Each structure stands twice: as structure tokens, then as C-alpha cells.
């Protein structure tokens, strides 16, 4: 929810993101289909890989849809 990530790498990691993105309500500016594709491939709509510390997981289509629907259903805490 946009909080600071409480752990850091012990060595420099390129593109490390220190603050988690706000994901309640879905990823701002992304369609449901873009979010599903990201969860399946790890590639964002700009064609870039997820930045560390995001793990390199790949959901199957059914699970990606379920996770996307869940995230979209959450009320943002802004």
C-alpha cells in the first residue's frame, strides 16, 4: 500500500524499489487485463520486467484473474 519496504539487500541491487506501490483498487492506470498479463508474465504494460524485490513468479491465467479481481476489489487507503 505504498509503504516503505522493511528489508534491504546486503549488496547494491540495480533498480531496487524501496517503497511498495499502492495496489489496493488495482494498479493505478492499468486495466484489469494489463494486471492479469503482468501477473502471468512479470512484464508491465511498458514492456519492462518487475523491479526488485518483486519476485519472479508467474501465475497461471485462472490464478492471475483471481488475484487481479481481489486487488481491484480492495478499497484504496489514500
N, C-alpha and C. Protein backbone atom coordinates (compact mmCIF):
# COMPACT_ATOMS: atom_id res chain seq x y z
N UNK A 1 0.82 -1.21 0.00
CA UNK A 1 0.00 0.00 0.00
C UNK A 1 0.85 1.26 0.00
N UNK A 2 1.98 1.21 -0.66
CA UNK A 2 2.81 2.39 -0.73
C UNK A 2 3.70 2.57 0.48
N UNK A 3 3.86 1.52 1.28
CA UNK A 3 4.69 1.59 2.48
C UNK A 3 6.16 1.32 2.13
N UNK A 4 7.03 1.79 2.97
CA UNK A 4 8.46 1.52 2.82
C UNK A 4 8.69 0.03 3.03
N UNK A 5 9.50 -0.57 2.18
CA UNK A 5 9.83 -1.99 2.31
C UNK A 5 10.84 -2.11 3.45
N UNK A 6 10.56 -3.01 4.38
CA UNK A 6 11.32 -3.06 5.64
C UNK A 6 12.63 -3.82 5.54
N UNK A 7 12.96 -4.36 4.40
CA UNK A 7 14.24 -5.05 4.25
C UNK A 7 14.98 -4.45 3.07
N UNK A 8 16.28 -4.60 3.08
CA UNK A 8 17.13 -4.08 2.02
C UNK A 8 18.14 -5.14 1.63
N UNK A 9 18.64 -5.08 0.41
CA UNK A 9 19.67 -6.05 0.02
C UNK A 9 20.97 -5.75 0.75
N UNK A 10 21.79 -6.77 0.92
CA UNK A 10 23.08 -6.58 1.60
C UNK A 10 24.15 -6.07 0.63
N UNK A 11 23.87 -6.14 -0.65
CA UNK A 11 24.75 -5.60 -1.69
C UNK A 11 23.88 -4.74 -2.62
N UNK A 12 24.46 -3.80 -3.34
CA UNK A 12 23.65 -2.98 -4.24
C UNK A 12 22.92 -3.83 -5.29
N UNK A 13 21.64 -3.52 -5.48
CA UNK A 13 20.82 -4.21 -6.47
C UNK A 13 20.25 -3.14 -7.40
N UNK A 14 20.59 -3.20 -8.69
CA UNK A 14 20.07 -2.20 -9.63
C UNK A 14 18.54 -2.18 -9.64
N UNK A 15 17.98 -1.01 -9.70
CA UNK A 15 16.53 -0.79 -9.80
C UNK A 15 15.74 -1.24 -8.57
N UNK A 16 16.41 -1.42 -7.42
CA UNK A 16 15.71 -1.80 -6.20
C UNK A 16 14.69 -0.72 -5.88
N UNK A 17 13.48 -1.12 -5.60
CA UNK A 17 12.43 -0.17 -5.24
C UNK A 17 12.24 -0.21 -3.73
N UNK A 18 12.34 0.92 -3.07
CA UNK A 18 12.31 0.97 -1.61
C UNK A 18 10.91 1.16 -1.04
N UNK A 19 9.97 1.56 -1.90
CA UNK A 19 8.60 1.79 -1.44
C UNK A 19 7.66 0.95 -2.30
N UNK A 20 6.85 0.14 -1.62
CA UNK A 20 5.90 -0.73 -2.32
C UNK A 20 4.85 0.13 -3.03
N UNK A 21 4.46 -0.25 -4.23
CA UNK A 21 3.44 0.54 -4.94
C UNK A 21 2.07 0.34 -4.30
N UNK A 22 1.19 1.33 -4.41
CA UNK A 22 -0.18 1.15 -3.92
C UNK A 22 -0.92 0.21 -4.87
N UNK A 23 -1.42 -0.89 -4.35
CA UNK A 23 -2.07 -1.88 -5.22
C UNK A 23 -3.54 -2.11 -4.90
N UNK A 24 -4.04 -1.57 -3.78
CA UNK A 24 -5.46 -1.72 -3.48
C UNK A 24 -6.25 -0.95 -4.52
N UNK A 25 -7.25 -1.59 -5.08
CA UNK A 25 -8.03 -0.99 -6.15
C UNK A 25 -7.45 -1.30 -7.52
N UNK A 26 -6.37 -2.09 -7.55
CA UNK A 26 -5.67 -2.39 -8.79
C UNK A 26 -4.49 -1.46 -8.94
N UNK A 27 -3.69 -1.66 -9.94
CA UNK A 27 -2.53 -0.80 -10.16
C UNK A 27 -3.03 0.47 -10.86
N UNK A 28 -2.81 1.64 -10.28
CA UNK A 28 -3.31 2.88 -10.89
C UNK A 28 -2.86 3.02 -12.35
N UNK A 29 -3.81 3.28 -13.22
CA UNK A 29 -3.52 3.46 -14.63
C UNK A 29 -3.48 2.18 -15.45
N UNK A 30 -3.63 1.03 -14.81
CA UNK A 30 -3.61 -0.25 -15.51
C UNK A 30 -5.02 -0.81 -15.61
N UNK A 31 -5.33 -1.42 -16.73
CA UNK A 31 -6.60 -2.12 -16.86
C UNK A 31 -6.50 -3.47 -16.16
N UNK A 32 -7.64 -4.10 -15.97
CA UNK A 32 -7.65 -5.45 -15.39
C UNK A 32 -6.84 -6.39 -16.26
N UNK A 33 -7.00 -6.28 -17.57
CA UNK A 33 -6.29 -7.17 -18.48
C UNK A 33 -4.77 -6.97 -18.39
N UNK A 34 -4.33 -5.72 -18.23
CA UNK A 34 -2.90 -5.45 -18.08
C UNK A 34 -2.37 -6.04 -16.78
N UNK A 35 -3.16 -5.94 -15.71
CA UNK A 35 -2.75 -6.51 -14.43
C UNK A 35 -2.67 -8.03 -14.53
N UNK A 36 -3.64 -8.66 -15.17
CA UNK A 36 -3.62 -10.12 -15.34
C UNK A 36 -2.37 -10.52 -16.13
N UNK A 37 -2.09 -9.82 -17.22
CA UNK A 37 -0.92 -10.15 -18.03
C UNK A 37 0.37 -9.98 -17.22
N UNK A 38 0.45 -8.92 -16.41
CA UNK A 38 1.63 -8.71 -15.55
C UNK A 38 1.82 -9.88 -14.59
N UNK A 39 0.73 -10.32 -13.97
CA UNK A 39 0.83 -11.43 -13.02
C UNK A 39 1.21 -12.74 -13.71
N UNK A 40 0.87 -12.88 -14.97
CA UNK A 40 1.22 -14.08 -15.73
C UNK A 40 2.66 -14.05 -16.25
N UNK A 41 3.15 -12.85 -16.58
CA UNK A 41 4.44 -12.76 -17.27
C UNK A 41 5.54 -12.04 -16.48
N UNK A 42 5.15 -11.18 -15.53
CA UNK A 42 6.14 -10.36 -14.82
C UNK A 42 6.60 -9.16 -15.62
N UNK A 43 5.92 -8.89 -16.74
CA UNK A 43 6.26 -7.76 -17.61
C UNK A 43 5.14 -6.73 -17.51
N UNK A 44 5.50 -5.46 -17.25
CA UNK A 44 4.48 -4.43 -17.11
C UNK A 44 4.02 -3.93 -18.47
N UNK A 45 2.98 -3.09 -18.52
CA UNK A 45 2.47 -2.62 -19.81
C UNK A 45 3.50 -1.85 -20.65
N UNK A 46 4.55 -1.33 -20.03
CA UNK A 46 5.62 -0.64 -20.77
C UNK A 46 6.65 -1.62 -21.33
N UNK A 47 6.46 -2.93 -21.08
CA UNK A 47 7.38 -3.93 -21.57
C UNK A 47 8.59 -4.16 -20.67
N UNK A 48 8.56 -3.62 -19.46
CA UNK A 48 9.68 -3.77 -18.52
C UNK A 48 9.38 -4.86 -17.50
N UNK A 49 10.44 -5.54 -17.07
CA UNK A 49 10.31 -6.55 -16.01
C UNK A 49 10.00 -5.87 -14.68
N UNK A 50 9.34 -6.60 -13.79
CA UNK A 50 9.09 -6.10 -12.44
C UNK A 50 10.42 -5.80 -11.77
N UNK A 51 10.44 -4.72 -10.99
CA UNK A 51 11.68 -4.32 -10.32
C UNK A 51 11.85 -5.09 -9.01
N UNK A 52 13.10 -5.35 -8.62
CA UNK A 52 13.34 -5.99 -7.33
C UNK A 52 12.85 -5.08 -6.21
N UNK A 53 12.31 -5.63 -5.16
CA UNK A 53 12.33 -7.01 -4.72
C UNK A 53 11.14 -7.85 -5.16
N UNK A 54 10.40 -7.41 -6.17
CA UNK A 54 9.28 -8.20 -6.68
C UNK A 54 9.80 -9.56 -7.14
N UNK A 55 9.23 -10.64 -6.62
CA UNK A 55 9.71 -11.96 -7.03
C UNK A 55 9.34 -12.26 -8.48
N UNK A 56 10.06 -13.16 -9.09
CA UNK A 56 9.81 -13.55 -10.48
C UNK A 56 8.85 -14.72 -10.54
N UNK A 57 7.62 -14.50 -10.02
CA UNK A 57 6.62 -15.57 -10.09
C UNK A 57 5.80 -15.41 -11.35
N UNK A 58 5.14 -16.46 -11.73
CA UNK A 58 4.26 -16.45 -12.90
C UNK A 58 2.99 -17.21 -12.52
N UNK A 59 1.89 -16.49 -12.45
CA UNK A 59 0.62 -17.13 -12.16
C UNK A 59 0.06 -17.78 -13.42
N UNK A 60 -0.71 -18.85 -13.25
CA UNK A 60 -1.47 -19.33 -14.39
C UNK A 60 -2.64 -18.36 -14.60
N UNK A 61 -3.31 -18.47 -15.73
CA UNK A 61 -4.33 -17.47 -16.09
C UNK A 61 -5.46 -17.38 -15.06
N UNK A 62 -5.95 -18.51 -14.60
CA UNK A 62 -7.05 -18.51 -13.63
C UNK A 62 -6.64 -17.84 -12.34
N UNK A 63 -5.45 -18.15 -11.83
CA UNK A 63 -4.98 -17.54 -10.59
C UNK A 63 -4.71 -16.04 -10.78
N UNK A 64 -4.14 -15.66 -11.93
CA UNK A 64 -3.87 -14.25 -12.21
C UNK A 64 -5.18 -13.45 -12.22
N UNK A 65 -6.21 -14.01 -12.83
CA UNK A 65 -7.51 -13.33 -12.84
C UNK A 65 -8.06 -13.19 -11.42
N UNK A 66 -7.94 -14.23 -10.61
CA UNK A 66 -8.45 -14.19 -9.24
C UNK A 66 -7.70 -13.14 -8.42
N UNK A 67 -6.38 -13.09 -8.53
CA UNK A 67 -5.59 -12.11 -7.77
C UNK A 67 -5.92 -10.70 -8.25
N UNK A 68 -6.01 -10.50 -9.55
CA UNK A 68 -6.36 -9.19 -10.10
C UNK A 68 -7.73 -8.75 -9.58
N UNK A 69 -8.71 -9.63 -9.62
CA UNK A 69 -10.05 -9.28 -9.14
C UNK A 69 -10.02 -8.93 -7.66
N UNK A 70 -9.24 -9.67 -6.89
CA UNK A 70 -9.13 -9.39 -5.45
C UNK A 70 -8.51 -8.01 -5.22
N UNK A 71 -7.39 -7.72 -5.88
CA UNK A 71 -6.73 -6.42 -5.70
C UNK A 71 -7.65 -5.28 -6.12
N UNK A 72 -8.36 -5.45 -7.22
CA UNK A 72 -9.28 -4.42 -7.70
C UNK A 72 -10.43 -4.21 -6.71
N UNK A 73 -10.82 -5.27 -6.00
CA UNK A 73 -11.94 -5.18 -5.06
C UNK A 73 -11.58 -4.42 -3.77
N UNK A 74 -10.29 -4.30 -3.48
CA UNK A 74 -9.87 -3.64 -2.24
C UNK A 74 -10.06 -2.13 -2.35
N UNK A 75 -10.46 -1.52 -1.25
CA UNK A 75 -10.64 -0.08 -1.23
C UNK A 75 -9.29 0.58 -0.96
N UNK A 76 -8.85 1.49 -1.85
CA UNK A 76 -7.58 2.19 -1.60
C UNK A 76 -7.63 2.96 -0.28
N UNK A 77 -6.51 3.04 0.39
CA UNK A 77 -6.42 3.68 1.71
C UNK A 77 -5.86 5.12 1.62
N UNK A 78 -6.00 5.77 0.49
CA UNK A 78 -5.43 7.12 0.34
C UNK A 78 -6.24 8.11 1.15
